Amino acid sequence: PVGADKEGNQITLADIVESPEPELWEQV
């Protein structure tokens, strides 16, 4: 976690890097 958005949802580095990350099920 690197912070939270306006609604209080946790933001990770994966949320802000330019390249899209795989879906959660793909990561698992």
PDB file of all heavy atoms in Angstrom:
ATOM      1  N   PRO A   1       0.828  -1.214   0.000  1.00  0.00           N
ATOM      2  CA  PRO A   1       0.000   0.000   0.000  1.00  0.00           C
ATOM      3  C   PRO A   1       0.860   1.260   0.000  1.00  0.00           C
ATOM      4  O   PRO A   1       1.864   1.339   0.700  1.00  0.00           O
ATOM      5  CB  PRO A   1      -0.807  -0.131   1.296  1.00  0.00           C
ATOM      6  CG  PRO A   1       0.020  -1.019   2.171  1.00  0.00           C
ATOM      7  CD  PRO A   1       0.698  -1.982   1.256  1.00  0.00           C
ATOM      8  N   VAL A   2       0.471   2.242  -0.811  1.00  0.00           N
ATOM      9  CA  VAL A   2       1.199   3.508  -0.856  1.00  0.00           C
ATOM     10  C   VAL A   2       0.306   4.694  -0.503  1.00  0.00           C
ATOM     11  O   VAL A   2       0.762   5.835  -0.468  1.00  0.00           O
ATOM     12  CB  VAL A   2       1.815   3.735  -2.257  1.00  0.00           C
ATOM     13  CG1 VAL A   2       2.881   2.698  -2.540  1.00  0.00           C
ATOM     14  CG2 VAL A   2       0.744   3.714  -3.340  1.00  0.00           C
ATOM     15  N   GLY A   3      -0.971   4.435  -0.231  1.00  0.00           N
ATOM     16  CA  GLY A   3      -1.879   5.520   0.119  1.00  0.00           C
ATOM     17  C   GLY A   3      -3.318   5.095  -0.086  1.00  0.00           C
ATOM     18  O   GLY A   3      -3.635   3.901  -0.141  1.00  0.00           O
ATOM     19  N   ALA A   4      -4.201   6.075  -0.164  1.00  0.00           N
ATOM     20  CA  ALA A   4      -5.625   5.796  -0.341  1.00  0.00           C
ATOM     21  C   ALA A   4      -6.219   6.829  -1.279  1.00  0.00           C
ATOM     22  O   ALA A   4      -5.718   7.958  -1.393  1.00  0.00           O
ATOM     23  CB  ALA A   4      -6.345   5.815   0.999  1.00  0.00           C
ATOM     24  N   ASP A   5      -7.301   6.438  -1.974  1.00  0.00           N
ATOM     25  CA  ASP A   5      -7.958   7.393  -2.863  1.00  0.00           C
ATOM     26  C   ASP A   5      -8.958   8.242  -2.080  1.00  0.00           C
ATOM     27  O   ASP A   5      -9.049   8.138  -0.848  1.00  0.00           O
ATOM     28  CB  ASP A   5      -8.644   6.656  -4.023  1.00  0.00           C
ATOM     29  CG  ASP A   5      -9.704   5.668  -3.544  1.00  0.00           C
ATOM     30  OD1 ASP A   5     -10.162   5.792  -2.395  1.00  0.00           O
ATOM     31  OD2 ASP A   5     -10.064   4.775  -4.335  1.00  0.00           O
ATOM     32  N   LYS A   6      -9.722   9.070  -2.788  1.00  0.00           N
ATOM     33  CA  LYS A   6     -10.645   9.990  -2.128  1.00  0.00           C
ATOM     34  C   LYS A   6     -11.731   9.271  -1.347  1.00  0.00           C
ATOM     35  O   LYS A   6     -12.291   9.804  -0.388  1.00  0.00           O
ATOM     36  CB  LYS A   6     -11.287  10.908  -3.171  1.00  0.00           C
ATOM     37  CG  LYS A   6     -10.301  11.869  -3.823  1.00  0.00           C
ATOM     38  CD  LYS A   6     -10.999  12.751  -4.838  1.00  0.00           C
ATOM     39  CE  LYS A   6     -10.010  13.720  -5.492  1.00  0.00           C
ATOM     40  NZ  LYS A   6     -10.666  14.578  -6.503  1.00  0.00           N
ATOM     41  N   GLU A   7     -12.029   8.058  -1.758  1.00  0.00           N
ATOM     42  CA  GLU A   7     -13.069   7.287  -1.088  1.00  0.00           C
ATOM     43  C   GLU A   7     -12.511   6.415   0.021  1.00  0.00           C
ATOM     44  O   GLU A   7     -13.231   5.633   0.644  1.00  0.00           O
ATOM     45  CB  GLU A   7     -13.812   6.423  -2.113  1.00  0.00           C
ATOM     46  CG  GLU A   7     -14.509   7.253  -3.190  1.00  0.00           C
ATOM     47  CD  GLU A   7     -15.193   6.385  -4.226  1.00  0.00           C
ATOM     48  OE1 GLU A   7     -14.988   5.147  -4.184  1.00  0.00           O
ATOM     49  OE2 GLU A   7     -15.924   6.922  -5.067  1.00  0.00           O
ATOM     50  N   GLY A   8     -11.206   6.513   0.272  1.00  0.00           N
ATOM     51  CA  GLY A   8     -10.608   5.733   1.352  1.00  0.00           C
ATOM     52  C   GLY A   8     -10.147   4.358   0.936  1.00  0.00           C
ATOM     53  O   GLY A   8      -9.699   3.568   1.777  1.00  0.00           O
ATOM     54  N   ASN A   9     -10.232   4.041  -0.363  1.00  0.00           N
ATOM     55  CA  ASN A   9      -9.785   2.738  -0.839  1.00  0.00           C
ATOM     56  C   ASN A   9      -8.262   2.710  -0.932  1.00  0.00           C
ATOM     57  O   ASN A   9      -7.636   3.684  -1.368  1.00  0.00           O
ATOM     58  CB  ASN A   9     -10.377   2.432  -2.221  1.00  0.00           C
ATOM     59  CG  ASN A   9     -11.889   2.360  -2.174  1.00  0.00           C
ATOM     60  OD1 ASN A   9     -12.453   1.736  -1.287  1.00  0.00           O
ATOM     61  ND2 ASN A   9     -12.535   3.026  -3.127  1.00  0.00           N
ATOM     62  N   GLN A  10      -7.675   1.602  -0.525  1.00  0.00           N
ATOM     63  CA  GLN A  10      -6.222   1.473  -0.522  1.00  0.00           C
ATOM     64  C   GLN A  10      -5.667   1.469  -1.941  1.00  0.00           C
ATOM     65  O   GLN A  10      -6.225   0.859  -2.846  1.00  0.00           O
ATOM     66  CB  GLN A  10      -5.831   0.177   0.202  1.00  0.00           C
ATOM     67  CG  GLN A  10      -4.351   0.068   0.501  1.00  0.00           C
ATOM     68  CD  GLN A  10      -4.060  -1.208   1.277  1.00  0.00           C
ATOM     69  OE1 GLN A  10      -3.993  -2.280   0.712  1.00  0.00           O
ATOM     70  NE2 GLN A  10      -3.883  -1.083   2.594  1.00  0.00           N
ATOM     71  N   ILE A  11      -4.555   2.193  -2.144  1.00  0.00           N
ATOM     72  CA  ILE A  11      -3.885   2.249  -3.445  1.00  0.00           C
ATOM     73  C   ILE A  11      -2.530   1.572  -3.318  1.00  0.00           C
ATOM     74  O   ILE A  11      -1.784   1.816  -2.364  1.00  0.00           O
ATOM     75  CB  ILE A  11      -3.679   3.703  -3.908  1.00  0.00           C
ATOM     76  CG1 ILE A  11      -5.030   4.406  -4.076  1.00  0.00           C
ATOM     77  CG2 ILE A  11      -2.903   3.743  -5.226  1.00  0.00           C
ATOM     78  CD1 ILE A  11      -4.892   5.881  -4.423  1.00  0.00           C
ATOM     79  N   THR A  12      -2.215   0.711  -4.270  1.00  0.00           N
ATOM     80  CA  THR A  12      -0.918   0.031  -4.295  1.00  0.00           C
ATOM     81  C   THR A  12      -0.105   0.539  -5.482  1.00  0.00           C
ATOM     82  O   THR A  12      -0.626   1.239  -6.356  1.00  0.00           O
ATOM     83  CB  THR A  12      -1.090  -1.490  -4.416  1.00  0.00           C
ATOM     84  OG1 THR A  12      -1.644  -1.794  -5.702  1.00  0.00           O
ATOM     85  CG2 THR A  12      -2.019  -2.030  -3.325  1.00  0.00           C
ATOM     86  N   LEU A  13       1.177   0.163  -5.514  1.00  0.00           N
ATOM     87  CA  LEU A  13       2.017   0.540  -6.652  1.00  0.00           C
ATOM     88  C   LEU A  13       1.459  -0.011  -7.961  1.00  0.00           C
ATOM     89  O   LEU A  13       1.567   0.615  -9.007  1.00  0.00           O
ATOM     90  CB  LEU A  13       3.444   0.013  -6.442  1.00  0.00           C
ATOM     91  CG  LEU A  13       4.289   0.736  -5.383  1.00  0.00           C
ATOM     92  CD1 LEU A  13       5.616   0.011  -5.217  1.00  0.00           C
ATOM     93  CD2 LEU A  13       4.544   2.180  -5.770  1.00  0.00           C
ATOM     94  N   ALA A  14       0.851  -1.188  -7.877  1.00  0.00           N
ATOM     95  CA  ALA A  14       0.290  -1.807  -9.081  1.00  0.00           C
ATOM     96  C   ALA A  14      -0.827  -0.957  -9.675  1.00  0.00           C
ATOM     97  O   ALA A  14      -1.086  -1.007 -10.877  1.00  0.00           O
ATOM     98  CB  ALA A  14      -0.243  -3.196  -8.750  1.00  0.00           C
ATOM     99  N   ASP A  15      -1.493  -0.158  -8.823  1.00  0.00           N
ATOM    100  CA  ASP A  15      -2.589   0.682  -9.311  1.00  0.00           C
ATOM    101  C   ASP A  15      -2.092   1.893 -10.085  1.00  0.00           C
ATOM    102  O   ASP A  15      -2.850   2.481 -10.868  1.00  0.00           O
ATOM    103  CB  ASP A  15      -3.444   1.165  -8.139  1.00  0.00           C
ATOM    104  CG  ASP A  15      -4.131   0.023  -7.409  1.00  0.00           C
ATOM    105  OD1 ASP A  15      -4.585  -0.917  -8.092  1.00  0.00           O
ATOM    106  OD2 ASP A  15      -4.203   0.069  -6.175  1.00  0.00           O
ATOM    107  N   ILE A  16      -0.822   2.285  -9.857  1.00  0.00           N
ATOM    108  CA  ILE A  16      -0.360   3.529 -10.473  1.00  0.00           C
ATOM    109  C   ILE A  16       0.731   3.339 -11.520  1.00  0.00           C
ATOM    110  O   ILE A  16       1.098   4.291 -12.199  1.00  0.00           O
ATOM    111  CB  ILE A  16       0.141   4.509  -9.391  1.00  0.00           C
ATOM    112  CG1 ILE A  16       1.271   3.895  -8.578  1.00  0.00           C
ATOM    113  CG2 ILE A  16      -0.983   4.930  -8.468  1.00  0.00           C
ATOM    114  CD1 ILE A  16       1.859   4.834  -7.541  1.00  0.00           C
ATOM    115  N   VAL A  17       1.274   2.117 -11.652  1.00  0.00           N
ATOM    116  CA  VAL A  17       2.272   1.909 -12.706  1.00  0.00           C
ATOM    117  C   VAL A  17       1.593   1.954 -14.061  1.00  0.00           C
ATOM    118  O   VAL A  17       0.406   1.677 -14.195  1.00  0.00           O
ATOM    119  CB  VAL A  17       3.013   0.566 -12.536  1.00  0.00           C
ATOM    120  CG1 VAL A  17       3.858   0.583 -11.293  1.00  0.00           C
ATOM    121  CG2 VAL A  17       2.025  -0.597 -12.526  1.00  0.00           C
ATOM    122  N   GLU A  18       2.352   2.287 -15.097  1.00  0.00           N
ATOM    123  CA  GLU A  18       1.771   2.472 -16.426  1.00  0.00           C
ATOM    124  C   GLU A  18       1.292   1.165 -17.037  1.00  0.00           C
ATOM    125  O   GLU A  18       0.230   1.095 -17.632  1.00  0.00           O
ATOM    126  CB  GLU A  18       2.800   3.120 -17.350  1.00  0.00           C
ATOM    127  CG  GLU A  18       3.155   4.533 -16.950  1.00  0.00           C
ATOM    128  CD  GLU A  18       4.141   5.151 -17.915  1.00  0.00           C
ATOM    129  OE1 GLU A  18       4.568   4.443 -18.854  1.00  0.00           O
ATOM    130  OE2 GLU A  18       4.476   6.322 -17.727  1.00  0.00           O
ATOM    131  N   SER A  19       2.081   0.085 -16.891  1.00  0.00           N
ATOM    132  CA  SER A  19       1.691  -1.176 -17.522  1.00  0.00           C
ATOM    133  C   SER A  19       0.603  -1.841 -16.706  1.00  0.00           C
ATOM    134  O   SER A  19       0.703  -1.939 -15.486  1.00  0.00           O
ATOM    135  CB  SER A  19       2.893  -2.115 -17.630  1.00  0.00           C
ATOM    136  OG  SER A  19       3.439  -2.350 -16.356  1.00  0.00           O
ATOM    137  N   PRO A  20      -0.470  -2.319 -17.355  1.00  0.00           N
ATOM    138  CA  PRO A  20      -1.562  -2.962 -16.623  1.00  0.00           C
ATOM    139  C   PRO A  20      -1.114  -4.279 -16.017  1.00  0.00           C
ATOM    140  O   PRO A  20      -0.368  -5.036 -16.628  1.00  0.00           O
ATOM    141  CB  PRO A  20      -2.625  -3.192 -17.714  1.00  0.00           C
ATOM    142  CG  PRO A  20      -1.842  -3.259 -18.995  1.00  0.00           C
ATOM    143  CD  PRO A  20      -0.692  -2.300 -18.813  1.00  0.00           C
ATOM    144  N   GLU A  21      -1.574  -4.561 -14.801  1.00  0.00           N
ATOM    145  CA  GLU A  21      -1.256  -5.817 -14.126  1.00  0.00           C
ATOM    146  C   GLU A  21      -2.324  -6.860 -14.450  1.00  0.00           C
ATOM    147  O   GLU A  21      -3.464  -6.518 -14.784  1.00  0.00           O
ATOM    148  CB  GLU A  21      -1.222  -5.594 -12.603  1.00  0.00           C
ATOM    149  CG  GLU A  21      -0.032  -4.793 -12.135  1.00  0.00           C
ATOM    150  CD  GLU A  21       1.266  -5.512 -12.418  1.00  0.00           C
ATOM    151  OE1 GLU A  21       1.373  -6.710 -12.088  1.00  0.00           O
ATOM    152  OE2 GLU A  21       2.168  -4.884 -12.980  1.00  0.00           O
ATOM    153  N   PRO A  22      -2.002  -8.138 -14.371  1.00  0.00           N
ATOM    154  CA  PRO A  22      -2.990  -9.176 -14.626  1.00  0.00           C
ATOM    155  C   PRO A  22      -4.128  -9.111 -13.604  1.00  0.00           C
ATOM    156  O   PRO A  22      -3.982  -8.536 -12.533  1.00  0.00           O
ATOM    157  CB  PRO A  22      -2.190 -10.481 -14.451  1.00  0.00           C
ATOM    158  CG  PRO A  22      -0.762 -10.070 -14.570  1.00  0.00           C
ATOM    159  CD  PRO A  22      -0.689  -8.669 -14.042  1.00  0.00           C
ATOM    160  N   GLU A  23      -5.230  -9.703 -13.967  1.00  0.00           N
ATOM    161  CA  GLU A  23      -6.334  -9.810 -13.020  1.00  0.00           C
ATOM    162  C   GLU A  23      -5.890 -10.636 -11.818  1.00  0.00           C
ATOM    163  O   GLU A  23      -4.949 -11.424 -11.897  1.00  0.00           O
ATOM    164  CB  GLU A  23      -7.537 -10.483 -13.699  1.00  0.00           C
ATOM    165  CG  GLU A  23      -8.152  -9.678 -14.836  1.00  0.00           C
ATOM    166  CD  GLU A  23      -8.781  -8.392 -14.353  1.00  0.00           C
ATOM    167  OE1 GLU A  23      -9.246  -8.360 -13.184  1.00  0.00           O
ATOM    168  OE2 GLU A  23      -8.795  -7.419 -15.112  1.00  0.00           O
ATOM    169  N   LEU A  24      -6.612 -10.473 -10.697  1.00  0.00           N
ATOM    170  CA  LEU A  24      -6.237 -11.136  -9.462  1.00  0.00           C
ATOM    171  C   LEU A  24      -6.146 -12.651  -9.642  1.00  0.00           C
ATOM    172  O   LEU A  24      -5.193 -13.287  -9.181  1.00  0.00           O
ATOM    173  CB  LEU A  24      -7.239 -10.796  -8.350  1.00  0.00           C
ATOM    174  CG  LEU A  24      -6.986 -11.462  -6.995  1.00  0.00           C
ATOM    175  CD1 LEU A  24      -5.626 -11.057  -6.456  1.00  0.00           C
ATOM    176  CD2 LEU A  24      -8.077 -11.090  -6.005  1.00  0.00           C
ATOM    177  N   TRP A  25      -7.099 -13.235 -10.335  1.00  0.00           N
ATOM    178  CA  TRP A  25      -7.093 -14.694 -10.490  1.00  0.00           C
ATOM    179  C   TRP A  25      -5.884 -15.156 -11.285  1.00  0.00           C
ATOM    180  O   TRP A  25      -5.341 -16.229 -11.040  1.00  0.00           O
ATOM    181  CB  TRP A  25      -8.389 -15.166 -11.157  1.00  0.00           C
ATOM    182  CG  TRP A  25      -8.538 -14.777 -12.598  1.00  0.00           C
ATOM    183  CD1 TRP A  25      -9.129 -13.668 -13.099  1.00  0.00           C
ATOM    184  CD2 TRP A  25      -8.060 -15.508 -13.738  1.00  0.00           C
ATOM    185  NE1 TRP A  25      -9.053 -13.641 -14.461  1.00  0.00           N
ATOM    186  CE2 TRP A  25      -8.416 -14.763 -14.889  1.00  0.00           C
ATOM    187  CE3 TRP A  25      -7.373 -16.712 -13.897  1.00  0.00           C
ATOM    188  CZ2 TRP A  25      -8.100 -15.179 -16.173  1.00  0.00           C
ATOM    189  CZ3 TRP A  25      -7.062 -17.126 -15.185  1.00  0.00           C
ATOM    190  CH2 TRP A  25      -7.428 -16.373 -16.307  1.00  0.00           C
ATOM    191  N   GLU A  26      -5.437 -14.298 -12.244  1.00  0.00           N
ATOM    192  CA  GLU A  26      -4.248 -14.641 -13.019  1.00  0.00           C
ATOM    193  C   GLU A  26      -3.006 -14.597 -12.144  1.00  0.00           C
ATOM    194  O   GLU A  26      -2.100 -15.419 -12.282  1.00  0.00           O
ATOM    195  CB  GLU A  26      -4.086 -13.676 -14.196  1.00  0.00           C
ATOM    196  CG  GLU A  26      -5.177 -13.819 -15.260  1.00  0.00           C
ATOM    197  CD  GLU A  26      -5.024 -12.795 -16.353  1.00  0.00           C
ATOM    198  OE1 GLU A  26      -4.781 -11.613 -16.014  1.00  0.00           O
ATOM    199  OE2 GLU A  26      -5.134 -13.155 -17.523  1.00  0.00           O
ATOM    200  N   GLN A  27      -2.950 -13.604 -11.244  1.00  0.00           N
ATOM    201  CA  GLN A  27      -1.809 -13.490 -10.337  1.00  0.00           C
ATOM    202  C   GLN A  27      -1.726 -14.709  -9.422  1.00  0.00           C
ATOM    203  O   GLN A  27      -0.651 -15.261  -9.188  1.00  0.00           O
ATOM    204  CB  GLN A  27      -1.937 -12.216  -9.494  1.00  0.00           C
ATOM    205  CG  GLN A  27      -1.921 -10.932 -10.311  1.00  0.00           C
ATOM    206  CD  GLN A  27      -2.437  -9.751  -9.510  1.00  0.00           C
ATOM    207  OE1 GLN A  27      -2.597  -9.839  -8.298  1.00  0.00           O
ATOM    208  NE2 GLN A  27      -2.702  -8.647 -10.177  1.00  0.00           N
ATOM    209  N   VAL A  28      -2.877 -15.113  -8.891  1.00  0.00           N
ATOM    210  CA  VAL A  28      -2.918 -16.274  -7.996  1.00  0.00           C
ATOM    211  C   VAL A  28      -2.498 -17.540  -8.740  1.00  0.00           C
ATOM    212  O   VAL A  28      -1.720 -18.349  -8.234  1.00  0.00           O
ATOM    213  CB  VAL A  28      -4.323 -16.445  -7.394  1.00  0.00           C
ATOM    214  CG1 VAL A  28      -4.415 -17.746  -6.608  1.00  0.00           C
ATOM    215  CG2 VAL A  28      -4.658 -15.263  -6.492  1.00  0.00           C
TER     216      VAL A  28
END
